[in-house]
Amino acid sequence: MSNHLLALLSQWYPLRDDDDWVLGTVYQTEGPAYRKAGAMMLFSGQGHQLGMLSGGCLESDIHRRARQVMDAGQALTLSYDGSDEDDVAFRLGIGCGGIVHILLQPVNRANRYLMLDELYRTLGRHQSGCYYQRLPGSGGEAAARFLAAEAEGSRAPRPQAALLEEGGERWLRTPVAPPPHLLIVGGGVDARPLAALAHQLGWRISLWDPRPANGRPEYFPAVDQLLGGAAATLGPYVREQGVQAAVLMSHNIRLDAEALRALADCRLGYLALLGPENRRNRVLAEAGVTPEALATPLAGPAGLELGAELPEAIALSILAECQAVLYQGSGRSLSGVLVA
């Protein structure tokens, strides 16, 4: 199950009135931490833990404190110091060595579910917005508000939460956005791990293949929408459905060229073509377009150099590149280690 906020809210929403709930949010970190400010998790009185606020080290202790919030009906803040030997975080082996500050807020009908129901519906409509949570003062009452906005551009905004001062109160402002929408062109065998891995990431997936033997529901149970028909319909579909990334991998020069022609003027965050450079050039020639004429730079060959040979590893390399492009990552090794 994905840990994207929409996936968490999808599990919470039908159960919202069946039990006591608490929303846990990282509102500040100091030094290294597994999750950053804006990370959210939901706890219930029946033991549900939806999401994660650490690498699994702190969740049980946070849940224990969340039960106190359920009983008192008041918000509170916690701090875990991974560098202090006397702190519970150190004893639990959090390992990162930083300080994590967490806000716990009761979620119920009386406080309008902290606007999480509206947030859920907005993300479900593929819109973005900003979520505001008030840090408790002397009263400890939970408060939140949400401002929806149309998703801007074709790249998913990198969530960067920030603490704000308003009227003598502190608020956490967290940008939220729906999961990326990926279009896969071609329903061959190697498209299956790509769709499956994107589903694990919580992405929305559409797949187009006009060939009856390909793109079948039993082959792609994780795909949200299976498309057929003429390639010319792909342009309007991409614009209407907010598609942010497309991977062309039909293993057919004509089909890839038709899809590329249809997507030529679509502003995507990521556009990739499977295959070596000579195949890319043949597809461009068949489509009658030049790389300069495309509204989105073409990644061809698709993917990062991971030494991939099998379909699963190739899918990983493509989605790794797509993730880096959409979320403005460098794609470099975090440690700087180079493979000879």
Foldseek 3Di string as FASTA:
>chain_A
DALALLVLLVVCVVCVAVFKKKKKFFQQKFADFQDHGGRIWMATPVGDIRHDDHPPLCVVVVNVVLVVCSVVQFKAKDKAACQDCPGVNVVSCSPRRMMTMMIMHIAHVVQPRLCSVVVNVLLVLQWKWKKKWWHDDPVRHTHIDIDIDGDDALFDEAWDWDWDADPNTIMIITIHGHAAEEEEEAFDPLVLLLLVVCVNNVYAYEYEDQDPVGPDCVSHVSHPYYYHDFLLVVLVCCVVVSHAEYEYDRVDLLSSLRNCLNQQAPRHLYYEYDDAPVSVVSSCVNNVHDQVSRNYRYHPNAFDPPVDDDSNVRSVRRVLVVVCSRHVHPSADPVNDDDD
